N, C-alpha and C. Protein backbone atom coordinates (compact mmCIF):
# COMPACT_ATOMS: atom_id res chain seq x y z
N MET A 1 156.13 141.20 9.49
CA MET A 1 156.85 140.54 10.62
C MET A 1 156.38 141.34 12.01
N PHE A 2 156.31 140.59 13.17
CA PHE A 2 156.29 141.28 14.05
C PHE A 2 157.95 141.64 14.52
N ASP A 3 157.86 142.33 15.89
CA ASP A 3 159.33 142.56 16.11
C ASP A 3 159.46 141.41 16.91
N ALA A 4 160.97 140.55 16.81
CA ALA A 4 161.65 139.37 17.20
C ALA A 4 161.41 139.33 18.69
N THR A 5 161.90 140.46 19.69
CA THR A 5 161.88 140.21 20.67
C THR A 5 160.93 140.34 21.05
N LEU A 6 159.38 141.40 21.10
CA LEU A 6 158.36 141.04 21.60
C LEU A 6 157.85 139.89 20.79
N ALA A 7 158.15 139.51 19.66
CA ALA A 7 157.56 137.55 19.86
C ALA A 7 157.65 137.05 20.65
N ARG A 8 158.89 137.04 20.73
CA ARG A 8 159.67 135.61 21.58
C ARG A 8 159.27 135.77 23.31
N ARG A 9 158.55 137.13 23.07
CA ARG A 9 158.27 137.17 24.54
C ARG A 9 156.87 136.48 24.89
N ILE A 10 156.01 136.28 23.80
CA ILE A 10 154.52 135.87 23.72
C ILE A 10 154.42 134.53 23.98
N ARG A 11 153.98 133.98 25.18
CA ARG A 11 153.50 132.62 25.85
C ARG A 11 152.29 132.16 25.62
N LEU A 12 151.58 133.01 24.91
CA LEU A 12 149.85 132.69 25.50
C LEU A 12 149.17 133.34 24.30
N LEU A 13 148.63 132.98 23.44
CA LEU A 13 148.12 133.56 22.51
C LEU A 13 146.44 132.96 22.71
N ALA A 14 145.75 133.56 22.74
CA ALA A 14 144.40 134.54 23.13
C ALA A 14 143.57 134.76 22.33
N LEU A 15 142.24 134.13 21.92
CA LEU A 15 141.55 134.34 20.45
C LEU A 15 139.99 134.63 21.44
N ASP A 16 139.46 135.24 20.99
CA ASP A 16 138.12 135.51 20.71
C ASP A 16 137.42 134.60 20.00
N VAL A 17 136.27 134.50 19.88
CA VAL A 17 135.73 133.44 19.23
C VAL A 17 134.96 133.96 17.97
N ASP A 18 133.77 134.39 18.46
CA ASP A 18 132.99 135.38 17.62
C ASP A 18 133.35 136.50 16.62
N GLY A 19 133.94 136.11 15.32
CA GLY A 19 134.18 137.81 15.10
C GLY A 19 135.94 137.39 14.63
N VAL A 20 136.52 136.59 15.17
CA VAL A 20 137.77 136.19 14.93
C VAL A 20 138.21 134.60 14.44
N LEU A 21 137.63 134.02 15.34
CA LEU A 21 137.99 132.58 14.92
C LEU A 21 136.43 132.09 13.92
N THR A 22 135.33 132.74 13.82
CA THR A 22 134.39 132.46 13.24
C THR A 22 134.19 133.75 12.12
N ALA A 23 133.25 133.70 11.53
CA ALA A 23 132.99 135.50 10.49
C ALA A 23 132.04 135.94 11.03
N ASN A 24 131.75 135.56 12.66
CA ASN A 24 130.04 136.10 13.30
C ASN A 24 129.32 135.52 12.78
N ASP A 25 128.91 134.40 12.24
CA ASP A 25 127.82 133.90 12.02
C ASP A 25 127.37 132.81 13.00
N SER A 26 126.14 132.98 13.14
CA SER A 26 125.58 131.84 13.88
C SER A 26 124.42 131.10 13.01
N TRP A 27 124.09 130.43 13.26
CA TRP A 27 123.47 129.63 12.47
C TRP A 27 122.23 128.59 13.76
N ILE A 28 121.32 128.80 14.07
CA ILE A 28 120.17 128.70 15.02
C ILE A 28 119.18 127.96 14.45
N GLY A 29 118.73 127.43 15.11
CA GLY A 29 117.13 126.28 14.82
C GLY A 29 117.05 125.40 15.51
N GLU A 30 115.85 124.52 15.34
CA GLU A 30 115.65 123.59 16.28
C GLU A 30 115.89 122.04 15.15
N LEU A 31 116.16 120.85 15.49
CA LEU A 31 116.80 119.70 15.58
C LEU A 31 116.06 118.70 16.06
N ASP A 32 115.09 118.44 15.56
CA ASP A 32 114.20 117.16 15.90
C ASP A 32 113.61 117.51 17.75
N GLY A 33 113.02 119.03 17.90
CA GLY A 33 112.47 120.01 18.74
C GLY A 33 113.85 120.23 19.86
N VAL A 34 114.84 119.95 19.59
CA VAL A 34 116.29 120.70 20.71
C VAL A 34 116.85 122.04 19.80
N ARG A 35 116.89 122.48 20.48
CA ARG A 35 117.17 123.87 19.92
C ARG A 35 119.67 123.61 19.50
N THR A 36 119.44 123.92 18.56
CA THR A 36 120.27 123.98 17.73
C THR A 36 121.56 124.97 17.41
N GLU A 37 122.95 124.85 17.62
CA GLU A 37 123.16 126.01 17.03
C GLU A 37 124.83 125.55 16.13
N PHE A 38 124.84 125.96 14.90
CA PHE A 38 126.04 125.80 13.99
C PHE A 38 126.80 126.92 14.08
N LYS A 39 128.28 126.66 14.05
CA LYS A 39 129.11 127.76 13.44
C LYS A 39 130.21 127.08 12.73
N ARG A 40 130.74 128.15 12.21
CA ARG A 40 131.62 127.32 11.12
C ARG A 40 133.41 128.09 11.43
N PHE A 41 134.20 127.62 11.51
CA PHE A 41 135.26 127.39 11.88
C PHE A 41 136.25 127.46 10.66
N ASP A 42 137.00 128.01 10.47
CA ASP A 42 138.29 128.16 9.35
C ASP A 42 139.28 126.96 9.69
N ILE A 43 139.59 126.09 9.08
CA ILE A 43 140.36 124.66 8.94
C ILE A 43 141.59 125.21 8.88
N GLN A 44 142.10 126.18 7.99
CA GLN A 44 143.76 126.61 8.18
C GLN A 44 144.44 127.02 9.58
N ASP A 45 143.20 127.95 10.05
CA ASP A 45 143.13 128.26 11.23
C ASP A 45 143.27 127.79 12.21
N GLY A 46 142.62 126.13 12.74
CA GLY A 46 142.86 125.14 13.17
C GLY A 46 143.99 124.46 12.88
N PHE A 47 144.50 124.26 11.86
CA PHE A 47 146.11 123.73 11.48
C PHE A 47 147.18 124.33 12.51
N GLY A 48 146.72 126.03 12.44
CA GLY A 48 148.11 126.89 12.67
C GLY A 48 148.07 126.90 14.42
N ILE A 49 146.31 126.70 14.83
CA ILE A 49 146.87 126.50 16.62
C ILE A 49 147.69 125.15 16.78
N ARG A 50 147.08 123.98 16.04
CA ARG A 50 148.20 122.94 16.15
C ARG A 50 149.90 123.07 15.75
N LEU A 51 150.00 124.01 14.95
CA LEU A 51 151.62 124.60 14.94
C LEU A 51 151.72 124.90 16.18
N LEU A 52 150.85 126.16 16.48
CA LEU A 52 151.39 127.16 17.66
C LEU A 52 151.56 126.14 18.67
N ARG A 53 150.43 125.61 19.01
CA ARG A 53 150.59 124.44 20.08
C ARG A 53 152.24 123.41 20.42
N GLY A 54 152.51 122.87 18.81
CA GLY A 54 153.58 122.29 18.46
C GLY A 54 154.71 123.20 19.38
N ALA A 55 154.63 124.91 18.93
CA ALA A 55 155.97 125.02 19.04
C ALA A 55 155.69 125.23 20.34
N GLY A 56 154.82 124.82 21.46
CA GLY A 56 155.22 125.31 23.16
C GLY A 56 154.54 126.49 23.53
N ILE A 57 153.59 127.19 22.51
CA ILE A 57 153.09 128.74 23.01
C ILE A 57 151.69 127.74 23.40
N GLU A 58 151.05 128.13 24.00
CA GLU A 58 149.49 127.95 24.50
C GLU A 58 148.74 128.82 23.99
N VAL A 59 147.53 128.18 23.97
CA VAL A 59 146.61 129.12 23.14
C VAL A 59 145.41 128.78 23.96
N ALA A 60 144.38 129.87 24.46
CA ALA A 60 143.06 130.06 25.13
C ALA A 60 142.27 130.90 24.26
N TRP A 61 140.99 130.61 24.46
CA TRP A 61 139.99 131.42 23.53
C TRP A 61 139.00 131.94 24.90
N VAL A 62 138.18 133.27 25.05
CA VAL A 62 137.65 134.00 25.73
C VAL A 62 136.71 134.77 24.92
N THR A 63 135.44 133.81 25.05
CA THR A 63 134.46 134.41 24.44
C THR A 63 133.23 134.79 25.22
N GLY A 64 132.53 135.57 25.42
CA GLY A 64 131.38 136.49 25.49
C GLY A 64 129.85 135.45 25.62
N ARG A 65 130.20 134.32 24.81
CA ARG A 65 128.93 133.63 24.39
C ARG A 65 128.93 132.28 24.65
N GLU A 66 128.18 131.20 25.33
CA GLU A 66 128.19 130.07 25.23
C GLU A 66 127.63 129.67 24.14
N SER A 67 128.40 127.93 24.03
CA SER A 67 128.25 127.45 22.37
C SER A 67 129.12 126.55 22.66
N PRO A 68 127.76 125.40 22.37
CA PRO A 68 128.29 123.70 22.34
C PRO A 68 129.04 123.58 21.11
N SER A 69 128.57 124.51 19.89
CA SER A 69 129.71 124.25 18.76
C SER A 69 131.24 124.92 19.25
N THR A 70 131.59 125.92 19.88
CA THR A 70 132.95 125.89 20.57
C THR A 70 133.72 125.22 21.16
N LEU A 71 132.84 124.59 21.96
CA LEU A 71 133.44 123.36 23.13
C LEU A 71 134.33 122.47 21.80
N LEU A 72 133.32 122.00 21.04
CA LEU A 72 133.41 120.78 20.36
C LEU A 72 134.87 121.17 19.32
N ARG A 73 134.96 122.26 18.85
CA ARG A 73 135.93 122.60 17.84
C ARG A 73 137.36 123.15 19.48
N ALA A 74 136.81 123.53 20.34
CA ALA A 74 137.77 123.13 20.99
C ALA A 74 138.74 122.10 21.03
N ALA A 75 137.88 120.99 21.48
CA ALA A 75 138.20 119.63 22.09
C ALA A 75 139.12 119.42 21.13
N GLU A 76 138.25 119.16 19.74
CA GLU A 76 138.89 119.05 18.06
C GLU A 76 140.86 119.01 18.47
N LEU A 77 140.66 120.77 18.29
CA LEU A 77 141.93 121.27 18.40
C LEU A 77 143.13 120.91 19.91
N GLY A 78 142.37 120.48 20.76
CA GLY A 78 143.05 120.01 22.02
C GLY A 78 143.42 121.62 22.81
N VAL A 79 142.90 122.77 22.50
CA VAL A 79 142.25 123.89 23.71
C VAL A 79 142.05 123.56 24.56
N THR A 80 143.11 123.55 25.60
CA THR A 80 142.12 123.35 27.08
C THR A 80 141.91 124.59 27.78
N THR A 81 141.73 125.66 27.85
CA THR A 81 141.87 126.66 28.59
C THR A 81 140.78 127.70 27.16
N VAL A 82 139.52 127.28 27.73
CA VAL A 82 138.50 127.96 27.06
C VAL A 82 137.33 128.43 28.13
N VAL A 83 137.02 129.88 28.32
CA VAL A 83 136.70 130.58 29.72
C VAL A 83 135.12 131.35 28.73
N THR A 84 133.98 130.97 28.77
CA THR A 84 133.39 131.98 28.41
C THR A 84 132.72 132.83 29.79
N VAL A 85 132.67 134.25 29.45
CA VAL A 85 132.35 135.03 30.73
C VAL A 85 131.69 135.98 29.99
N ALA A 86 130.91 136.64 30.66
CA ALA A 86 130.03 138.06 30.37
C ALA A 86 130.73 139.09 29.83
N PRO A 87 130.26 139.64 28.43
CA PRO A 87 131.10 140.44 27.58
C PRO A 87 132.01 141.49 28.21
N ASP A 88 131.76 141.78 29.32
CA ASP A 88 132.62 142.90 30.33
C ASP A 88 133.02 142.21 31.18
N GLN A 89 133.54 141.06 31.30
CA GLN A 89 134.04 140.58 32.80
C GLN A 89 135.53 139.49 31.74
N LYS A 90 135.63 140.36 30.71
CA LYS A 90 137.07 139.34 29.84
C LYS A 90 138.00 140.06 30.75
N VAL A 91 138.38 141.02 31.21
CA VAL A 91 139.85 141.47 31.78
C VAL A 91 139.74 140.50 32.82
N ARG A 92 138.99 140.03 33.80
CA ARG A 92 138.58 139.14 35.14
C ARG A 92 139.28 138.29 34.74
N ALA A 93 138.70 137.28 33.84
CA ALA A 93 138.37 136.13 33.00
C ALA A 93 140.20 136.30 32.59
N PHE A 94 141.09 136.86 32.07
CA PHE A 94 142.19 137.06 31.60
C PHE A 94 143.06 137.10 32.82
N GLU A 95 142.30 137.76 34.00
CA GLU A 95 143.32 137.69 35.53
C GLU A 95 143.59 136.85 36.08
N ALA A 96 142.62 135.84 35.78
CA ALA A 96 142.38 134.39 36.00
C ALA A 96 142.74 133.34 35.60
N ILE A 97 143.32 133.69 34.42
CA ILE A 97 144.39 132.62 33.48
C ILE A 97 145.40 132.92 33.57
N LEU A 98 146.02 134.34 33.99
CA LEU A 98 147.35 134.79 34.11
C LEU A 98 147.94 133.85 35.36
N ALA A 99 146.86 134.29 36.71
CA ALA A 99 147.08 133.43 37.83
C ALA A 99 147.75 132.54 37.79
N GLU A 100 146.77 131.75 37.17
CA GLU A 100 146.74 129.78 37.01
C GLU A 100 148.34 129.62 36.45
N LYS A 101 148.56 130.60 35.10
CA LYS A 101 149.56 130.17 34.48
C LYS A 101 151.09 130.64 34.53
N GLY A 102 150.68 131.60 35.68
CA GLY A 102 151.93 132.33 36.05
C GLY A 102 152.32 133.38 34.92
N MET A 103 151.51 133.68 34.43
CA MET A 103 152.47 134.70 32.97
C MET A 103 151.74 136.30 33.76
N ALA A 104 152.33 137.19 33.50
CA ALA A 104 152.22 138.63 33.05
C ALA A 104 151.28 138.52 31.30
N TRP A 105 150.76 140.30 31.77
CA TRP A 105 150.15 140.70 30.72
C TRP A 105 151.16 140.51 29.53
N ASP A 106 152.29 140.86 29.53
CA ASP A 106 152.87 140.94 28.10
C ASP A 106 153.68 140.42 27.85
N ALA A 107 152.78 138.73 28.38
CA ALA A 107 153.16 137.89 27.25
C ALA A 107 152.32 137.24 26.50
N ILE A 108 151.09 137.91 26.69
CA ILE A 108 149.74 137.77 26.17
C ILE A 108 149.90 138.36 24.53
N ALA A 109 149.58 137.64 23.27
CA ALA A 109 148.80 138.41 22.41
C ALA A 109 147.68 137.90 22.30
N PHE A 110 146.65 138.59 21.90
CA PHE A 110 145.10 138.79 21.95
C PHE A 110 144.64 139.27 20.74
N VAL A 111 143.41 138.37 20.16
CA VAL A 111 143.25 139.13 18.68
C VAL A 111 141.66 138.96 19.37
N GLY A 112 141.04 139.88 18.41
CA GLY A 112 140.14 140.84 19.21
C GLY A 112 138.96 141.04 17.68
N ASP A 113 137.53 141.87 17.94
CA ASP A 113 136.96 142.35 16.95
C ASP A 113 136.10 143.18 17.80
N ASP A 114 135.95 143.66 18.85
CA ASP A 114 134.67 144.43 19.04
C ASP A 114 134.87 145.05 20.57
N ILE A 115 134.18 145.78 20.32
CA ILE A 115 134.29 146.60 21.55
C ILE A 115 134.73 145.95 22.85
N PRO A 116 133.82 144.75 23.31
CA PRO A 116 133.84 144.16 24.50
C PRO A 116 135.68 143.45 24.90
N ASP A 117 136.37 143.50 23.84
CA ASP A 117 137.56 143.64 23.58
C ASP A 117 138.63 144.90 23.80
N LEU A 118 138.31 145.64 24.35
CA LEU A 118 138.66 146.64 24.17
C LEU A 118 139.56 146.83 25.60
N PRO A 119 139.10 146.74 26.63
CA PRO A 119 140.11 146.32 28.08
C PRO A 119 141.00 144.99 27.68
N VAL A 120 140.81 144.25 27.48
CA VAL A 120 142.34 143.31 26.98
C VAL A 120 143.03 143.67 26.20
N LEU A 121 142.73 144.35 25.36
CA LEU A 121 143.69 144.71 24.55
C LEU A 121 144.29 145.73 24.88
N GLU A 122 143.74 146.57 25.74
CA GLU A 122 144.75 147.31 26.32
C GLU A 122 145.61 147.28 27.07
N ARG A 123 145.57 145.91 27.80
CA ARG A 123 146.62 145.39 28.63
C ARG A 123 147.71 144.35 28.12
N VAL A 124 147.54 143.67 27.36
CA VAL A 124 148.15 142.82 26.52
C VAL A 124 149.14 143.15 25.54
N GLY A 125 150.34 142.47 25.58
CA GLY A 125 151.54 142.55 24.94
C GLY A 125 151.86 143.10 23.81
N LEU A 126 150.95 141.74 23.17
CA LEU A 126 150.75 142.03 20.94
C LEU A 126 149.10 141.77 20.90
N PRO A 127 148.48 143.49 21.32
CA PRO A 127 147.19 143.72 20.85
C PRO A 127 146.91 143.16 19.24
N ILE A 128 146.08 142.74 18.78
CA ILE A 128 145.87 142.43 17.15
C ILE A 128 144.34 142.45 17.11
N ALA A 129 144.10 142.99 15.64
CA ALA A 129 142.54 143.12 15.22
C ALA A 129 142.53 142.54 14.09
N VAL A 130 141.12 141.92 13.98
CA VAL A 130 141.25 141.26 12.54
C VAL A 130 140.89 142.22 11.88
N ALA A 131 140.85 142.21 9.92
CA ALA A 131 140.69 143.10 9.70
C ALA A 131 139.26 143.41 9.45
N ASN A 132 138.13 142.89 9.71
CA ASN A 132 136.82 143.23 10.17
C ASN A 132 136.25 144.21 11.73
N ALA A 133 137.52 144.02 12.25
CA ALA A 133 137.02 144.24 13.21
C ALA A 133 136.77 146.19 13.48
N ARG A 134 135.85 146.05 14.48
CA ARG A 134 135.38 147.97 14.39
C ARG A 134 136.41 148.55 14.87
N SER A 135 136.19 149.87 14.21
CA SER A 135 137.49 150.77 14.24
C SER A 135 137.79 151.42 15.08
N GLU A 136 137.20 151.44 16.30
CA GLU A 136 138.00 151.79 18.11
C GLU A 136 139.16 150.59 18.36
N VAL A 137 138.85 149.18 17.79
CA VAL A 137 139.29 148.21 17.94
C VAL A 137 141.00 147.97 17.41
N LYS A 138 140.90 148.63 15.73
CA LYS A 138 141.68 148.54 15.04
C LYS A 138 142.91 149.74 15.32
N SER A 139 142.17 150.56 16.05
CA SER A 139 142.79 151.99 16.09
C SER A 139 143.98 151.26 17.86
N ALA A 140 143.44 150.60 18.55
CA ALA A 140 143.95 150.20 19.78
C ALA A 140 145.28 149.22 19.61
N CYS A 141 145.43 148.86 18.24
CA CYS A 141 146.10 147.59 18.19
C CYS A 141 147.56 147.84 17.37
N ARG A 142 147.95 146.88 18.00
CA ARG A 142 149.82 147.02 17.29
C ARG A 142 149.73 146.48 15.79
N TYR A 143 149.02 145.30 15.33
CA TYR A 143 148.54 144.81 14.08
C TYR A 143 147.24 144.45 13.99
N VAL A 144 146.80 144.73 12.62
CA VAL A 144 145.61 144.42 12.02
C VAL A 144 145.42 143.21 10.78
N THR A 145 145.00 142.63 11.36
CA THR A 145 145.37 141.41 9.95
C THR A 145 144.44 141.66 8.58
N ASP A 146 145.43 141.19 7.33
CA ASP A 146 144.95 141.48 6.18
C ASP A 146 143.23 140.44 6.24
N ALA A 147 143.50 139.28 6.57
CA ALA A 147 142.29 138.21 7.08
C ALA A 147 141.10 138.52 7.53
N SER A 148 139.81 138.37 7.25
CA SER A 148 138.65 138.71 8.17
C SER A 148 138.87 137.53 8.95
N GLY A 149 137.68 137.53 10.45
CA GLY A 149 137.73 136.72 11.23
C GLY A 149 136.76 135.64 10.68
N GLY A 150 137.13 134.59 10.90
CA GLY A 150 136.51 133.30 10.09
C GLY A 150 136.85 133.02 8.76
N HIS A 151 138.25 133.64 8.18
CA HIS A 151 138.47 133.59 6.84
C HIS A 151 140.33 133.69 6.89
N GLY A 152 140.82 132.79 8.22
CA GLY A 152 142.23 133.06 7.94
C GLY A 152 143.01 133.92 8.87
N ALA A 153 142.32 134.72 9.52
CA ALA A 153 143.34 135.68 10.07
C ALA A 153 143.88 135.01 11.57
N VAL A 154 143.39 134.53 11.99
CA VAL A 154 143.87 133.92 13.37
C VAL A 154 145.50 133.09 12.37
N ARG A 155 145.27 132.39 11.46
CA ARG A 155 146.26 131.89 10.95
C ARG A 155 147.23 132.50 10.31
N GLU A 156 147.02 133.64 9.55
CA GLU A 156 147.96 134.66 9.37
C GLU A 156 148.62 135.38 10.44
N VAL A 157 147.83 135.41 11.97
CA VAL A 157 148.32 135.81 13.19
C VAL A 157 149.69 134.19 13.59
N ILE A 158 149.47 133.39 13.70
CA ILE A 158 149.98 132.78 14.06
C ILE A 158 151.37 132.61 12.80
N ASP A 159 151.33 132.31 11.75
CA ASP A 159 152.69 132.55 10.76
C ASP A 159 153.06 133.42 10.80
N ARG A 160 153.31 134.63 11.18
CA ARG A 160 153.46 135.96 11.50
C ARG A 160 154.36 135.48 12.61
N LEU A 161 153.74 135.45 13.56
CA LEU A 161 154.13 134.98 15.15
C LEU A 161 155.64 134.50 14.74
N LEU A 162 155.20 133.15 14.82
CA LEU A 162 156.20 131.67 14.71
C LEU A 162 157.16 132.40 13.52
N LYS A 163 157.00 133.02 12.23
CA LYS A 163 158.15 133.51 11.72
C LYS A 163 158.93 134.48 12.40
N SER A 164 158.65 135.14 12.93
CA SER A 164 158.88 136.28 13.92
C SER A 164 159.97 136.25 14.84
N ARG A 165 159.61 134.77 15.28
CA ARG A 165 160.65 134.27 16.63
C ARG A 165 161.42 133.56 15.48
N GLY A 166 161.50 133.12 14.87
CA GLY A 166 162.50 132.06 14.16
C GLY A 166 162.40 130.74 14.29
N GLU A 167 160.76 130.42 14.18
CA GLU A 167 160.25 129.11 14.95
C GLU A 167 159.17 128.47 13.74
N PHE A 168 159.20 129.04 12.63
CA PHE A 168 157.77 128.58 11.81
C PHE A 168 158.16 127.15 10.71
N ASP A 169 159.42 127.13 10.23
CA ASP A 169 159.99 125.84 9.67
C ASP A 169 160.36 124.97 10.62
N ASP A 170 160.37 125.06 11.94
CA ASP A 170 161.02 123.90 12.62
C ASP A 170 159.43 123.52 13.20
N ALA A 171 158.26 124.37 13.54
CA ALA A 171 157.03 124.11 13.90
C ALA A 171 156.48 123.41 12.55
N VAL A 172 156.54 123.12 11.14
CA VAL A 172 156.26 122.80 10.47
C VAL A 172 156.82 121.45 10.48
N ALA A 173 158.22 121.13 10.64
CA ALA A 173 159.45 119.85 10.33
C ALA A 173 158.62 119.31 11.80
N ARG A 174 158.26 119.75 13.18
CA ARG A 174 157.89 118.70 13.63
C ARG A 174 156.54 118.07 13.60
N PHE A 175 155.44 119.26 13.19
CA PHE A 175 154.13 118.51 12.89
C PHE A 175 154.77 117.44 11.71
N LEU A 176 155.14 117.44 10.77
CA LEU A 176 155.47 116.31 9.47
C LEU A 176 156.42 115.47 10.00
N GLY A 177 156.72 115.33 11.31
CA GLY A 177 157.60 114.18 12.23
C GLY A 177 159.05 114.32 11.21
N GLY A 178 159.55 115.48 11.10
CA GLY A 178 160.54 115.38 11.06
C GLY A 178 161.20 115.07 9.09
N ALA A 179 160.24 114.27 8.69
CA ALA A 179 160.05 113.68 7.35
C ALA A 179 160.31 114.68 6.25
N ALA A 180 160.47 115.49 6.13
CA ALA A 180 160.37 116.69 4.76
C ALA A 180 161.01 118.03 5.72
N GLU A 181 162.03 118.80 4.37
CA GLU A 181 162.55 120.20 4.66
C GLU A 181 161.41 120.80 4.12
N VAL A 182 161.78 121.96 4.96
CA VAL A 182 160.25 123.22 4.59
C VAL A 182 161.44 124.27 4.34
N ALA A 183 161.02 124.77 3.03
CA ALA A 183 161.44 126.02 2.22
C ALA A 183 161.41 127.03 3.06
């Protein structure tokens, strides 16, 4: 579990995309003469994002790589804050998100995996690395997931965050429409 006080302070879960929401795989080719890219997203991560949003915690994706696949998946999950910036501009992107949402750095949990994420991880209230993150990233984080990026790491973070806040059962019950008790 996360410290309950820290967990309750989090108002935004921000996620890197490649290596966190995906396993760092990208399939690129041509389809009818058009450059086409596919990415694999973990379905349980997606369900966790729905639970988290239902609990009133905002979600943002900040990525260093433009991809139609990322935008399609975000739209499916109702994630409206998706920012694509040069990898060395992530702090600036976060500053804009914070200003827009009226939040402070300590209200953010951020999940990253590689060197471009370090400047953000050093500022947020809850820095998190996925299991397959670079060692420099892991050492800068308060928590390292058991699961690798693209293989349930985001869901692990969401479940842990909601449970630490004492909101997991309510989030599941809300999703189920209150029709079932959750043990």
